[in-house]
Amino acid sequence: MTTIAVATADKPVRISKEDRVALAAIDVATALPGKWTVGRGRDRDQVADVVCLATGVSVGFKPVPGPGAWRYRLVPGDLPRELDDAWLWYRRDPFPVATFAVGAPATEVAAHIHQRLIPAFHQWLDRAQTALRERLQAQTRQCKAQREIADQLESAFPQAPQPARIYFMSGDLVSITLTMAVDDALTRIPALAQALRAEDATTAAPSTSTETQETT
């Protein structure tokens, strides 16, 4: 009896969906204007990505799960880490996603990337940078206003046992909590009422040695 060994190289290689999508990325990179390189993808669900050597813009190739025709989806990136909190793409605006069948003409995929996906990515990136800049400016104004209010309150109530607590709420609202001795609070009620434009100022004798006056 003769035994014949079959070499591994002689067995047919099985091509998976991921393999076909990764091969499609090579054809797409060739069809894109400019010089592009092909990688293994940035995230676990991407099997390939193409990166522009001139701009650094990258587009990931993500296989679409499920039975039926083999398809893949394009995902732009990478997003700068500092823009994570300001990123609006997935929450408010339509994602210019196109799902392509494996074997779709590379020129069609490249045209979508060049004409729609990359411009939209830059547009949303600009929005995120603007949102981040506005948020930082608002935080700077808020901190400056809080310091000014705290300094004025400290000079107005030098004998206060505790510093004023200031909370900035939504919009332009601010909550200020002052803690002072009862006698000092009774003396300052008319001035506080006038400052708050209150029509009536009522007092009640507390059972403790201090009284907290909170204004919003």
N, C-alpha and C. Protein backbone atom coordinates (compact mmCIF):
# COMPACT_ATOMS: atom_id res chain seq x y z
N MET A 1 0.85 -1.18 0.00
CA MET A 1 0.00 0.00 0.00
C MET A 1 0.89 1.24 0.00
N THR A 2 0.56 2.12 -0.91
CA THR A 2 1.38 3.32 -1.07
C THR A 2 0.63 4.53 -0.54
N THR A 3 1.29 5.31 0.30
CA THR A 3 0.70 6.53 0.87
C THR A 3 1.27 7.74 0.15
N ILE A 4 0.37 8.58 -0.32
CA ILE A 4 0.79 9.78 -1.04
C ILE A 4 0.51 10.99 -0.16
N ALA A 5 1.53 11.76 0.14
CA ALA A 5 1.39 12.97 0.96
C ALA A 5 0.96 14.13 0.06
N VAL A 6 -0.04 14.84 0.54
CA VAL A 6 -0.54 15.99 -0.21
C VAL A 6 0.04 17.25 0.42
N ALA A 7 0.75 18.01 -0.33
CA ALA A 7 1.37 19.23 0.18
C ALA A 7 0.30 20.27 0.49
N THR A 8 0.56 21.05 1.54
CA THR A 8 -0.39 22.10 1.93
C THR A 8 -0.58 23.11 0.81
N ALA A 9 0.47 23.37 0.06
CA ALA A 9 0.38 24.36 -1.01
C ALA A 9 -0.54 23.92 -2.12
N ASP A 10 -0.79 22.61 -2.21
CA ASP A 10 -1.65 22.11 -3.28
C ASP A 10 -3.13 22.27 -2.95
N LYS A 11 -3.48 22.54 -1.69
CA LYS A 11 -4.87 22.71 -1.30
C LYS A 11 -5.36 24.08 -1.73
N PRO A 12 -6.59 24.17 -2.19
CA PRO A 12 -7.12 25.48 -2.59
C PRO A 12 -7.24 26.42 -1.39
N VAL A 13 -6.84 27.64 -1.56
CA VAL A 13 -6.89 28.63 -0.50
C VAL A 13 -8.29 29.23 -0.46
N ARG A 14 -8.87 29.25 0.71
CA ARG A 14 -10.21 29.81 0.86
C ARG A 14 -10.11 31.32 1.05
N ILE A 15 -10.83 32.06 0.22
CA ILE A 15 -10.84 33.52 0.29
C ILE A 15 -12.07 33.94 1.07
N SER A 16 -11.87 34.67 2.15
CA SER A 16 -12.97 35.14 2.98
C SER A 16 -13.42 36.52 2.52
N LYS A 17 -14.54 36.98 3.12
CA LYS A 17 -15.02 38.32 2.82
C LYS A 17 -13.96 39.36 3.19
N GLU A 18 -13.32 39.17 4.35
CA GLU A 18 -12.31 40.12 4.79
C GLU A 18 -11.16 40.20 3.79
N ASP A 19 -10.78 39.05 3.25
CA ASP A 19 -9.70 39.05 2.26
C ASP A 19 -10.10 39.82 1.01
N ARG A 20 -11.32 39.60 0.56
CA ARG A 20 -11.77 40.28 -0.67
C ARG A 20 -11.88 41.79 -0.45
N VAL A 21 -12.35 42.20 0.74
CA VAL A 21 -12.45 43.64 1.02
C VAL A 21 -11.05 44.26 1.09
N ALA A 22 -10.11 43.54 1.70
CA ALA A 22 -8.74 44.06 1.78
C ALA A 22 -8.12 44.18 0.39
N LEU A 23 -8.42 43.23 -0.48
CA LEU A 23 -7.92 43.32 -1.85
C LEU A 23 -8.58 44.47 -2.61
N ALA A 24 -9.87 44.73 -2.31
CA ALA A 24 -10.56 45.84 -2.95
C ALA A 24 -9.92 47.17 -2.57
N ALA A 25 -9.42 47.26 -1.34
CA ALA A 25 -8.78 48.50 -0.90
C ALA A 25 -7.56 48.82 -1.75
N ILE A 26 -6.85 47.81 -2.22
CA ILE A 26 -5.67 48.04 -3.07
C ILE A 26 -6.09 48.69 -4.39
N ASP A 27 -7.16 48.15 -4.99
CA ASP A 27 -7.63 48.72 -6.26
C ASP A 27 -8.14 50.14 -6.07
N VAL A 28 -8.84 50.39 -4.94
CA VAL A 28 -9.37 51.73 -4.67
C VAL A 28 -8.22 52.72 -4.48
N ALA A 29 -7.19 52.33 -3.75
CA ALA A 29 -6.05 53.22 -3.53
C ALA A 29 -5.39 53.59 -4.85
N THR A 30 -5.36 52.65 -5.78
CA THR A 30 -4.78 52.93 -7.09
C THR A 30 -5.64 53.91 -7.88
N ALA A 31 -6.98 53.83 -7.70
CA ALA A 31 -7.89 54.69 -8.46
C ALA A 31 -8.03 56.08 -7.87
N LEU A 32 -7.63 56.29 -6.61
CA LEU A 32 -7.76 57.60 -5.98
C LEU A 32 -6.73 58.58 -6.52
N PRO A 33 -7.09 59.87 -6.65
CA PRO A 33 -6.09 60.85 -7.09
C PRO A 33 -5.04 61.07 -6.00
N GLY A 34 -3.81 61.26 -6.43
CA GLY A 34 -2.73 61.42 -5.48
C GLY A 34 -2.08 60.09 -5.13
N LYS A 35 -1.23 60.12 -4.12
CA LYS A 35 -0.52 58.92 -3.69
C LYS A 35 -1.12 58.41 -2.39
N TRP A 36 -1.55 57.16 -2.39
CA TRP A 36 -2.18 56.54 -1.23
C TRP A 36 -1.47 55.24 -0.91
N THR A 37 -1.47 54.89 0.37
CA THR A 37 -0.92 53.63 0.82
C THR A 37 -2.01 52.81 1.47
N VAL A 38 -1.83 51.51 1.55
CA VAL A 38 -2.84 50.59 2.10
C VAL A 38 -2.30 49.95 3.36
N GLY A 39 -3.14 49.95 4.41
CA GLY A 39 -2.77 49.31 5.68
C GLY A 39 -3.78 48.28 6.11
N ARG A 40 -3.62 47.80 7.32
CA ARG A 40 -4.48 46.74 7.85
C ARG A 40 -5.73 47.25 8.55
N GLY A 41 -5.96 48.54 8.56
CA GLY A 41 -7.13 49.07 9.25
C GLY A 41 -6.78 49.57 10.62
N ARG A 42 -7.52 50.60 11.08
CA ARG A 42 -7.20 51.22 12.38
C ARG A 42 -7.92 50.53 13.53
N ASP A 43 -9.13 50.03 13.30
CA ASP A 43 -9.93 49.43 14.36
C ASP A 43 -10.09 47.94 14.13
N ARG A 44 -10.63 47.26 15.14
CA ARG A 44 -10.77 45.81 15.06
C ARG A 44 -11.74 45.37 13.97
N ASP A 45 -12.76 46.22 13.68
CA ASP A 45 -13.75 45.82 12.70
C ASP A 45 -13.38 46.25 11.28
N GLN A 46 -12.19 46.81 11.10
CA GLN A 46 -11.73 47.19 9.77
C GLN A 46 -10.66 46.21 9.31
N VAL A 47 -10.76 45.81 8.06
CA VAL A 47 -9.79 44.84 7.54
C VAL A 47 -8.72 45.53 6.69
N ALA A 48 -8.94 46.81 6.37
CA ALA A 48 -7.96 47.56 5.59
C ALA A 48 -8.27 49.03 5.70
N ASP A 49 -7.30 49.85 5.40
CA ASP A 49 -7.54 51.29 5.29
C ASP A 49 -6.57 51.85 4.26
N VAL A 50 -6.99 52.96 3.65
CA VAL A 50 -6.14 53.66 2.69
C VAL A 50 -5.81 55.03 3.28
N VAL A 51 -4.56 55.43 3.14
CA VAL A 51 -4.08 56.67 3.75
C VAL A 51 -3.42 57.51 2.68
N CYS A 52 -3.83 58.78 2.60
CA CYS A 52 -3.22 59.71 1.66
C CYS A 52 -1.86 60.15 2.19
N LEU A 53 -0.82 59.97 1.40
CA LEU A 53 0.52 60.31 1.85
C LEU A 53 0.72 61.81 1.95
N ALA A 54 -0.05 62.60 1.20
CA ALA A 54 0.12 64.05 1.22
C ALA A 54 -0.60 64.71 2.39
N THR A 55 -1.82 64.25 2.70
CA THR A 55 -2.64 64.91 3.73
C THR A 55 -2.78 64.10 5.01
N GLY A 56 -2.50 62.80 4.96
CA GLY A 56 -2.68 61.96 6.14
C GLY A 56 -4.10 61.50 6.36
N VAL A 57 -5.04 61.91 5.49
CA VAL A 57 -6.43 61.48 5.62
C VAL A 57 -6.53 59.98 5.36
N SER A 58 -7.30 59.28 6.18
CA SER A 58 -7.44 57.84 6.03
C SER A 58 -8.90 57.44 5.94
N VAL A 59 -9.16 56.36 5.25
CA VAL A 59 -10.50 55.80 5.10
C VAL A 59 -10.42 54.31 5.36
N GLY A 60 -11.22 53.83 6.31
CA GLY A 60 -11.21 52.43 6.66
C GLY A 60 -12.24 51.64 5.87
N PHE A 61 -11.94 50.38 5.63
CA PHE A 61 -12.82 49.45 4.93
C PHE A 61 -13.38 48.47 5.96
N LYS A 62 -14.68 48.48 6.13
CA LYS A 62 -15.34 47.70 7.16
C LYS A 62 -16.31 46.72 6.52
N PRO A 63 -16.08 45.41 6.63
CA PRO A 63 -17.02 44.43 6.05
C PRO A 63 -18.39 44.52 6.70
N VAL A 64 -19.42 44.35 5.90
CA VAL A 64 -20.79 44.37 6.39
C VAL A 64 -21.17 42.95 6.81
N PRO A 65 -21.57 42.76 8.07
CA PRO A 65 -21.89 41.40 8.52
C PRO A 65 -23.21 40.91 7.94
N GLY A 66 -23.39 39.60 8.02
CA GLY A 66 -24.66 39.04 7.57
C GLY A 66 -24.52 38.25 6.28
N PRO A 67 -25.50 37.40 6.01
CA PRO A 67 -25.45 36.60 4.78
C PRO A 67 -25.81 37.44 3.55
N GLY A 68 -25.71 36.83 2.41
CA GLY A 68 -26.04 37.53 1.18
C GLY A 68 -24.80 38.00 0.45
N ALA A 69 -24.98 39.03 -0.34
CA ALA A 69 -23.85 39.54 -1.12
C ALA A 69 -22.77 40.08 -0.20
N TRP A 70 -21.55 39.90 -0.61
CA TRP A 70 -20.43 40.40 0.17
C TRP A 70 -20.30 41.90 -0.06
N ARG A 71 -20.36 42.65 1.04
CA ARG A 71 -20.35 44.11 0.94
C ARG A 71 -19.39 44.69 1.99
N TYR A 72 -19.09 45.97 1.82
CA TYR A 72 -18.25 46.66 2.80
C TYR A 72 -18.66 48.12 2.86
N ARG A 73 -18.30 48.75 3.97
CA ARG A 73 -18.65 50.15 4.24
C ARG A 73 -17.36 50.94 4.48
N LEU A 74 -17.38 52.19 4.09
CA LEU A 74 -16.22 53.07 4.27
C LEU A 74 -16.39 53.92 5.53
N VAL A 75 -15.33 54.06 6.30
CA VAL A 75 -15.36 54.83 7.55
C VAL A 75 -14.20 55.81 7.54
N PRO A 76 -14.46 57.12 7.63
CA PRO A 76 -13.35 58.08 7.64
C PRO A 76 -12.70 58.18 9.01
N GLY A 77 -11.52 58.72 9.04
CA GLY A 77 -10.80 58.92 10.29
C GLY A 77 -9.39 59.38 9.97
N ASP A 78 -8.54 59.50 10.94
CA ASP A 78 -8.76 59.37 12.37
C ASP A 78 -9.23 60.70 12.96
N LEU A 79 -9.93 60.60 14.06
CA LEU A 79 -10.39 61.78 14.77
C LEU A 79 -9.38 62.18 15.84
N PRO A 80 -8.95 63.44 15.85
CA PRO A 80 -8.02 63.87 16.91
C PRO A 80 -8.62 63.64 18.29
N ARG A 81 -7.79 63.21 19.22
CA ARG A 81 -8.27 62.86 20.56
C ARG A 81 -8.94 64.04 21.26
N GLU A 82 -8.40 65.25 21.03
CA GLU A 82 -8.95 66.41 21.73
C GLU A 82 -10.34 66.79 21.25
N LEU A 83 -10.78 66.21 20.13
CA LEU A 83 -12.10 66.54 19.59
C LEU A 83 -13.16 65.50 19.92
N ASP A 84 -12.82 64.53 20.75
CA ASP A 84 -13.78 63.47 21.07
C ASP A 84 -15.08 64.02 21.62
N ASP A 85 -15.00 64.96 22.56
CA ASP A 85 -16.21 65.48 23.19
C ASP A 85 -16.97 66.44 22.29
N ALA A 86 -16.30 66.99 21.28
CA ALA A 86 -16.95 67.97 20.41
C ALA A 86 -17.39 67.37 19.09
N TRP A 87 -17.17 66.08 18.90
CA TRP A 87 -17.48 65.44 17.62
C TRP A 87 -18.98 65.31 17.45
N LEU A 88 -19.51 65.77 16.32
CA LEU A 88 -20.96 65.82 16.10
C LEU A 88 -21.43 64.89 15.00
N TRP A 89 -20.51 64.17 14.38
CA TRP A 89 -20.87 63.40 13.18
C TRP A 89 -21.99 62.41 13.45
N TYR A 90 -21.82 61.59 14.43
CA TYR A 90 -22.76 60.48 14.64
C TYR A 90 -24.04 60.92 15.34
N ARG A 91 -24.05 62.13 15.91
CA ARG A 91 -25.18 62.51 16.75
C ARG A 91 -26.20 63.38 16.04
N ARG A 92 -25.76 64.26 15.15
CA ARG A 92 -26.68 65.25 14.62
C ARG A 92 -26.81 65.24 13.11
N ASP A 93 -25.76 64.92 12.41
CA ASP A 93 -25.76 65.11 10.97
C ASP A 93 -25.77 63.77 10.25
N PRO A 94 -26.31 63.76 9.04
CA PRO A 94 -26.33 62.51 8.27
C PRO A 94 -24.92 62.08 7.89
N PHE A 95 -24.67 60.82 8.04
CA PHE A 95 -23.38 60.26 7.72
C PHE A 95 -23.39 59.88 6.22
N PRO A 96 -22.51 60.46 5.41
CA PRO A 96 -22.53 60.15 3.98
C PRO A 96 -21.94 58.77 3.69
N VAL A 97 -22.63 57.74 4.22
CA VAL A 97 -22.13 56.39 4.10
C VAL A 97 -22.62 55.78 2.79
N ALA A 98 -21.79 55.03 2.17
CA ALA A 98 -22.19 54.23 1.02
C ALA A 98 -21.67 52.82 1.24
N THR A 99 -22.52 51.84 0.98
CA THR A 99 -22.14 50.44 1.10
C THR A 99 -21.91 49.90 -0.30
N PHE A 100 -20.75 49.33 -0.52
CA PHE A 100 -20.38 48.84 -1.84
C PHE A 100 -20.30 47.32 -1.82
N ALA A 101 -20.70 46.73 -2.92
CA ALA A 101 -20.56 45.29 -3.06
C ALA A 101 -19.11 44.96 -3.38
N VAL A 102 -18.63 43.86 -2.84
CA VAL A 102 -17.29 43.41 -3.18
C VAL A 102 -17.26 43.13 -4.69
N GLY A 103 -16.35 43.74 -5.37
CA GLY A 103 -16.30 43.64 -6.82
C GLY A 103 -16.83 44.87 -7.51
N ALA A 104 -17.33 45.86 -6.73
CA ALA A 104 -17.77 47.11 -7.33
C ALA A 104 -16.58 47.80 -8.00
N PRO A 105 -16.81 48.56 -9.07
CA PRO A 105 -15.70 49.22 -9.75
C PRO A 105 -14.91 50.12 -8.79
N ALA A 106 -13.62 49.98 -8.81
CA ALA A 106 -12.78 50.77 -7.90
C ALA A 106 -12.92 52.26 -8.18
N THR A 107 -13.15 52.61 -9.45
CA THR A 107 -13.31 54.03 -9.78
C THR A 107 -14.56 54.62 -9.12
N GLU A 108 -15.63 53.82 -9.00
CA GLU A 108 -16.86 54.28 -8.35
C GLU A 108 -16.61 54.53 -6.86
N VAL A 109 -15.92 53.61 -6.21
CA VAL A 109 -15.61 53.77 -4.79
C VAL A 109 -14.68 54.96 -4.57
N ALA A 110 -13.69 55.09 -5.42
CA ALA A 110 -12.74 56.19 -5.29
C ALA A 110 -13.44 57.53 -5.50
N ALA A 111 -14.39 57.60 -6.44
CA ALA A 111 -15.13 58.84 -6.67
C ALA A 111 -15.94 59.23 -5.45
N HIS A 112 -16.56 58.25 -4.78
CA HIS A 112 -17.33 58.55 -3.57
C HIS A 112 -16.41 59.07 -2.47
N ILE A 113 -15.26 58.44 -2.30
CA ILE A 113 -14.32 58.88 -1.27
C ILE A 113 -13.84 60.30 -1.55
N HIS A 114 -13.48 60.57 -2.80
CA HIS A 114 -12.89 61.85 -3.15
C HIS A 114 -13.92 62.98 -3.18
N GLN A 115 -15.13 62.70 -3.65
CA GLN A 115 -16.13 63.76 -3.86
C GLN A 115 -17.05 63.96 -2.67
N ARG A 116 -17.30 62.92 -1.88
CA ARG A 116 -18.27 63.05 -0.80
C ARG A 116 -17.68 62.80 0.58
N LEU A 117 -17.02 61.67 0.74
CA LEU A 117 -16.62 61.25 2.08
C LEU A 117 -15.56 62.18 2.68
N ILE A 118 -14.49 62.45 1.95
CA ILE A 118 -13.41 63.29 2.47
C ILE A 118 -13.89 64.73 2.69
N PRO A 119 -14.60 65.37 1.73
CA PRO A 119 -15.10 66.73 2.01
C PRO A 119 -16.03 66.79 3.22
N ALA A 120 -16.92 65.80 3.36
CA ALA A 120 -17.81 65.79 4.52
C ALA A 120 -17.02 65.62 5.81
N PHE A 121 -16.00 64.79 5.80
CA PHE A 121 -15.18 64.60 6.99
C PHE A 121 -14.51 65.90 7.40
N HIS A 122 -13.97 66.63 6.44
CA HIS A 122 -13.34 67.91 6.76
C HIS A 122 -14.37 68.91 7.27
N GLN A 123 -15.57 68.88 6.73
CA GLN A 123 -16.61 69.80 7.19
C GLN A 123 -16.96 69.53 8.64
N TRP A 124 -17.15 68.27 8.99
CA TRP A 124 -17.49 67.94 10.38
C TRP A 124 -16.30 68.16 11.30
N LEU A 125 -15.11 67.97 10.78
CA LEU A 125 -13.92 68.23 11.58
C LEU A 125 -13.83 69.71 11.93
N ASP A 126 -14.11 70.58 10.95
CA ASP A 126 -14.12 72.03 11.21
C ASP A 126 -15.18 72.39 12.25
N ARG A 127 -16.35 71.76 12.16
CA ARG A 127 -17.40 72.03 13.14
C ARG A 127 -16.96 71.63 14.55
N ALA A 128 -16.33 70.47 14.64
CA ALA A 128 -15.88 70.01 15.95
C ALA A 128 -14.82 70.94 16.52
N GLN A 129 -13.91 71.42 15.68
CA GLN A 129 -12.88 72.35 16.15
C GLN A 129 -13.49 73.67 16.59
N THR A 130 -14.51 74.15 15.84
CA THR A 130 -15.20 75.38 16.23
C THR A 130 -15.93 75.19 17.56
N ALA A 131 -16.62 74.05 17.72
CA ALA A 131 -17.33 73.78 18.97
C ALA A 131 -16.36 73.70 20.14
N LEU A 132 -15.22 73.09 19.93
CA LEU A 132 -14.22 73.00 21.00
C LEU A 132 -13.68 74.38 21.36
N ARG A 133 -13.41 75.19 20.35
CA ARG A 133 -12.89 76.53 20.60
C ARG A 133 -13.92 77.39 21.36
N GLU A 134 -15.18 77.31 20.96
CA GLU A 134 -16.23 78.07 21.64
C GLU A 134 -16.40 77.59 23.08
N ARG A 135 -16.30 76.30 23.29
CA ARG A 135 -16.44 75.78 24.65
C ARG A 135 -15.30 76.24 25.54
N LEU A 136 -14.08 76.25 25.00
CA LEU A 136 -12.94 76.71 25.79
C LEU A 136 -13.07 78.21 26.10
N GLN A 137 -13.56 78.98 25.12
CA GLN A 137 -13.76 80.41 25.37
C GLN A 137 -14.82 80.64 26.44
N ALA A 138 -15.91 79.85 26.39
CA ALA A 138 -16.96 79.98 27.40
C ALA A 138 -16.44 79.61 28.78
N GLN A 139 -15.61 78.57 28.85
CA GLN A 139 -15.04 78.18 30.13
C GLN A 139 -14.11 79.27 30.67
N THR A 140 -13.36 79.91 29.78
CA THR A 140 -12.48 80.99 30.21
C THR A 140 -13.28 82.16 30.76
N ARG A 141 -14.37 82.54 30.05
CA ARG A 141 -15.21 83.63 30.53
C ARG A 141 -15.86 83.27 31.86
N GLN A 142 -16.29 82.02 32.00
CA GLN A 142 -16.93 81.59 33.23
C GLN A 142 -15.96 81.65 34.41
N CYS A 143 -14.74 81.17 34.20
CA CYS A 143 -13.75 81.21 35.28
C CYS A 143 -13.40 82.64 35.66
N LYS A 144 -13.29 83.52 34.66
CA LYS A 144 -13.00 84.92 34.95
C LYS A 144 -14.13 85.57 35.74
N ALA A 145 -15.39 85.32 35.31
CA ALA A 145 -16.53 85.88 36.02
C ALA A 145 -16.61 85.33 37.44
N GLN A 146 -16.33 84.06 37.61
CA GLN A 146 -16.38 83.47 38.95
C GLN A 146 -15.33 84.07 39.87
N ARG A 147 -14.14 84.32 39.34
CA ARG A 147 -13.09 84.95 40.16
C ARG A 147 -13.49 86.36 40.55
N GLU A 148 -14.05 87.10 39.59
CA GLU A 148 -14.47 88.48 39.89
C GLU A 148 -15.56 88.51 40.95
N ILE A 149 -16.55 87.63 40.81
CA ILE A 149 -17.64 87.59 41.79
C ILE A 149 -17.11 87.19 43.16
N ALA A 150 -16.24 86.18 43.19
CA ALA A 150 -15.70 85.72 44.47
C ALA A 150 -14.88 86.83 45.14
N ASP A 151 -14.08 87.56 44.37
CA ASP A 151 -13.28 88.65 44.94
C ASP A 151 -14.18 89.74 45.52
N GLN A 152 -15.24 90.11 44.80
CA GLN A 152 -16.13 91.15 45.29
C GLN A 152 -16.88 90.72 46.55
N LEU A 153 -17.33 89.47 46.56
CA LEU A 153 -18.04 88.97 47.74
C LEU A 153 -17.11 88.87 48.94
N GLU A 154 -15.87 88.49 48.69
CA GLU A 154 -14.92 88.38 49.79
C GLU A 154 -14.64 89.74 50.42
N SER A 155 -14.54 90.77 49.56
CA SER A 155 -14.31 92.11 50.11
C SER A 155 -15.57 92.68 50.75
N ALA A 156 -16.76 92.26 50.28
CA ALA A 156 -18.01 92.77 50.85
C ALA A 156 -18.35 92.10 52.17
N PHE A 157 -17.90 90.87 52.38
CA PHE A 157 -18.20 90.14 53.61
C PHE A 157 -16.90 89.63 54.21
N PRO A 158 -16.08 90.52 54.72
CA PRO A 158 -14.77 90.10 55.23
C PRO A 158 -14.87 89.23 56.48
N GLN A 159 -15.96 89.33 57.25
CA GLN A 159 -16.09 88.58 58.48
C GLN A 159 -16.83 87.27 58.30
N ALA A 160 -17.17 86.91 57.06
CA ALA A 160 -17.92 85.67 56.83
C ALA A 160 -17.12 84.47 57.29
N PRO A 161 -17.76 83.54 58.05
CA PRO A 161 -17.01 82.36 58.54
C PRO A 161 -16.62 81.41 57.41
N GLN A 162 -17.35 81.44 56.31
CA GLN A 162 -17.03 80.58 55.18
C GLN A 162 -17.06 81.41 53.90
N PRO A 163 -16.20 81.10 52.94
CA PRO A 163 -16.23 81.85 51.68
C PRO A 163 -17.52 81.56 50.92
N ALA A 164 -17.88 82.48 50.06
CA ALA A 164 -19.08 82.31 49.25
C ALA A 164 -18.90 81.14 48.29
N ARG A 165 -19.98 80.39 48.11
CA ARG A 165 -19.98 79.28 47.15
C ARG A 165 -20.75 79.73 45.91
N ILE A 166 -20.12 79.59 44.76
CA ILE A 166 -20.68 80.09 43.51
C ILE A 166 -20.86 78.92 42.55
N TYR A 167 -22.04 78.81 41.98
CA TYR A 167 -22.34 77.77 41.01
C TYR A 167 -22.90 78.43 39.75
N PHE A 168 -22.27 78.16 38.62
CA PHE A 168 -22.77 78.64 37.34
C PHE A 168 -23.68 77.58 36.75
N MET A 169 -24.92 77.98 36.47
CA MET A 169 -25.92 77.05 35.97
C MET A 169 -26.07 77.25 34.47
N SER A 170 -27.07 76.63 33.89
CA SER A 170 -27.28 76.73 32.45
C SER A 170 -27.61 78.17 32.08
N GLY A 171 -27.17 78.55 30.87
CA GLY A 171 -27.41 79.91 30.43
C GLY A 171 -26.56 80.89 31.20
N ASP A 172 -27.17 82.02 31.57
CA ASP A 172 -26.46 83.08 32.30
C ASP A 172 -26.82 83.09 33.78
N LEU A 173 -27.40 82.02 34.30
CA LEU A 173 -27.82 81.98 35.69
C LEU A 173 -26.64 81.60 36.59
N VAL A 174 -26.61 82.21 37.76
CA VAL A 174 -25.58 81.91 38.74
C VAL A 174 -26.24 81.77 40.10
N SER A 175 -25.80 80.79 40.87
CA SER A 175 -26.29 80.56 42.22
C SER A 175 -25.18 80.91 43.20
N ILE A 176 -25.49 81.79 44.17
CA ILE A 176 -24.50 82.24 45.15
C ILE A 176 -25.01 81.89 46.55
N THR A 177 -24.21 81.23 47.32
CA THR A 177 -24.54 80.88 48.69
C THR A 177 -23.60 81.61 49.63
N LEU A 178 -24.19 82.42 50.55
CA LEU A 178 -23.42 83.17 51.53
C LEU A 178 -23.72 82.63 52.92
N THR A 179 -22.69 82.39 53.67
CA THR A 179 -22.84 81.95 55.06
C THR A 179 -22.27 83.02 55.97
N MET A 180 -23.11 83.50 56.93
CA MET A 180 -22.67 84.58 57.81
C MET A 180 -23.38 84.47 59.16
N ALA A 181 -22.88 85.21 60.10
CA ALA A 181 -23.50 85.23 61.42
C ALA A 181 -24.90 85.83 61.32
N VAL A 182 -25.76 85.47 62.28
CA VAL A 182 -27.15 85.92 62.26
C VAL A 182 -27.24 87.44 62.29
N ASP A 183 -26.50 88.07 63.20
CA ASP A 183 -26.56 89.52 63.31
C ASP A 183 -26.11 90.20 62.02
N ASP A 184 -25.08 89.66 61.42
CA ASP A 184 -24.60 90.23 60.16
C ASP A 184 -25.63 90.04 59.06
N ALA A 185 -26.29 88.86 59.04
CA ALA A 185 -27.31 88.60 58.03
C ALA A 185 -28.49 89.55 58.19
N LEU A 186 -28.94 89.76 59.44
CA LEU A 186 -30.06 90.68 59.68
C LEU A 186 -29.71 92.09 59.25
N THR A 187 -28.47 92.49 59.47
CA THR A 187 -28.06 93.84 59.10
C THR A 187 -28.02 94.03 57.59
N ARG A 188 -27.67 92.98 56.89
CA ARG A 188 -27.47 93.10 55.45
C ARG A 188 -28.71 92.73 54.63
N ILE A 189 -29.78 92.31 55.27
CA ILE A 189 -30.97 91.91 54.51
C ILE A 189 -31.49 93.02 53.62
N PRO A 190 -31.63 94.26 54.09
CA PRO A 190 -32.13 95.31 53.18
C PRO A 190 -31.24 95.49 51.95
N ALA A 191 -29.94 95.46 52.15
CA ALA A 191 -29.04 95.63 51.00
C ALA A 191 -29.14 94.46 50.04
N LEU A 192 -29.24 93.23 50.60
CA LEU A 192 -29.37 92.05 49.74
C LEU A 192 -30.69 92.09 48.97
N ALA A 193 -31.76 92.48 49.67
CA ALA A 193 -33.06 92.55 49.00
C ALA A 193 -33.04 93.57 47.88
N GLN A 194 -32.42 94.70 48.13
CA GLN A 194 -32.35 95.72 47.10
C GLN A 194 -31.49 95.26 45.92
N ALA A 195 -30.42 94.57 46.22
CA ALA A 195 -29.57 94.07 45.15
C ALA A 195 -30.29 93.05 44.29
N LEU A 196 -31.14 92.25 44.90
CA LEU A 196 -31.89 91.23 44.17
C LEU A 196 -33.20 91.76 43.61
N ARG A 197 -33.48 93.06 43.86
CA ARG A 197 -34.71 93.68 43.38
C ARG A 197 -35.94 92.96 43.94
N ALA A 198 -35.82 92.55 45.19
CA ALA A 198 -36.93 91.87 45.83
C ALA A 198 -37.92 92.89 46.35
N GLU A 199 -39.20 92.60 46.20
CA GLU A 199 -40.24 93.51 46.68
C GLU A 199 -40.40 93.43 48.19
N ASP A 200 -40.26 92.23 48.74
CA ASP A 200 -40.41 92.04 50.17
C ASP A 200 -39.20 91.31 50.70
N ALA A 201 -38.80 91.59 51.90
CA ALA A 201 -37.72 90.89 52.57
C ALA A 201 -38.22 90.47 53.94
N THR A 202 -38.34 89.18 54.11
CA THR A 202 -38.83 88.65 55.37
C THR A 202 -37.71 87.95 56.09
N THR A 203 -37.77 87.97 57.40
CA THR A 203 -36.75 87.31 58.20
C THR A 203 -37.40 86.36 59.17
N ALA A 204 -36.66 85.35 59.52
CA ALA A 204 -37.11 84.40 60.52
C ALA A 204 -35.92 84.05 61.37
N ALA A 205 -36.15 84.03 62.68
CA ALA A 205 -35.04 83.75 63.59
C ALA A 205 -34.70 82.28 63.53
N PRO A 206 -33.49 81.93 63.09
CA PRO A 206 -33.10 80.52 63.02
C PRO A 206 -32.71 79.99 64.39
N SER A 207 -32.68 78.68 64.49
CA SER A 207 -32.33 78.05 65.75
C SER A 207 -30.84 77.88 65.91
N THR A 208 -30.07 78.08 64.83
CA THR A 208 -28.62 77.91 64.90
C THR A 208 -27.96 79.27 64.95
N SER A 209 -26.65 79.24 65.13
CA SER A 209 -25.91 80.48 65.29
C SER A 209 -25.58 81.13 63.96
N THR A 210 -25.80 80.42 62.86
CA THR A 210 -25.49 80.98 61.54
C THR A 210 -26.69 80.84 60.66
N GLU A 211 -26.74 81.66 59.62
CA GLU A 211 -27.85 81.61 58.67
C GLU A 211 -27.28 81.65 57.27
N THR A 212 -27.85 80.87 56.39
CA THR A 212 -27.38 80.80 55.02
C THR A 212 -28.38 81.52 54.14
N GLN A 213 -27.91 82.49 53.37
CA GLN A 213 -28.73 83.23 52.43
C GLN A 213 -28.31 82.80 51.04
N GLU A 214 -29.20 82.13 50.28
CA GLU A 214 -28.87 81.65 48.95
C GLU A 214 -29.67 82.42 47.94
N THR A 215 -29.00 82.93 46.96
CA THR A 215 -29.65 83.68 45.90
C THR A 215 -29.35 83.02 44.58
N THR A 216 -30.35 83.05 43.71
CA THR A 216 -30.17 82.49 42.39
C THR A 216 -30.58 83.53 41.37
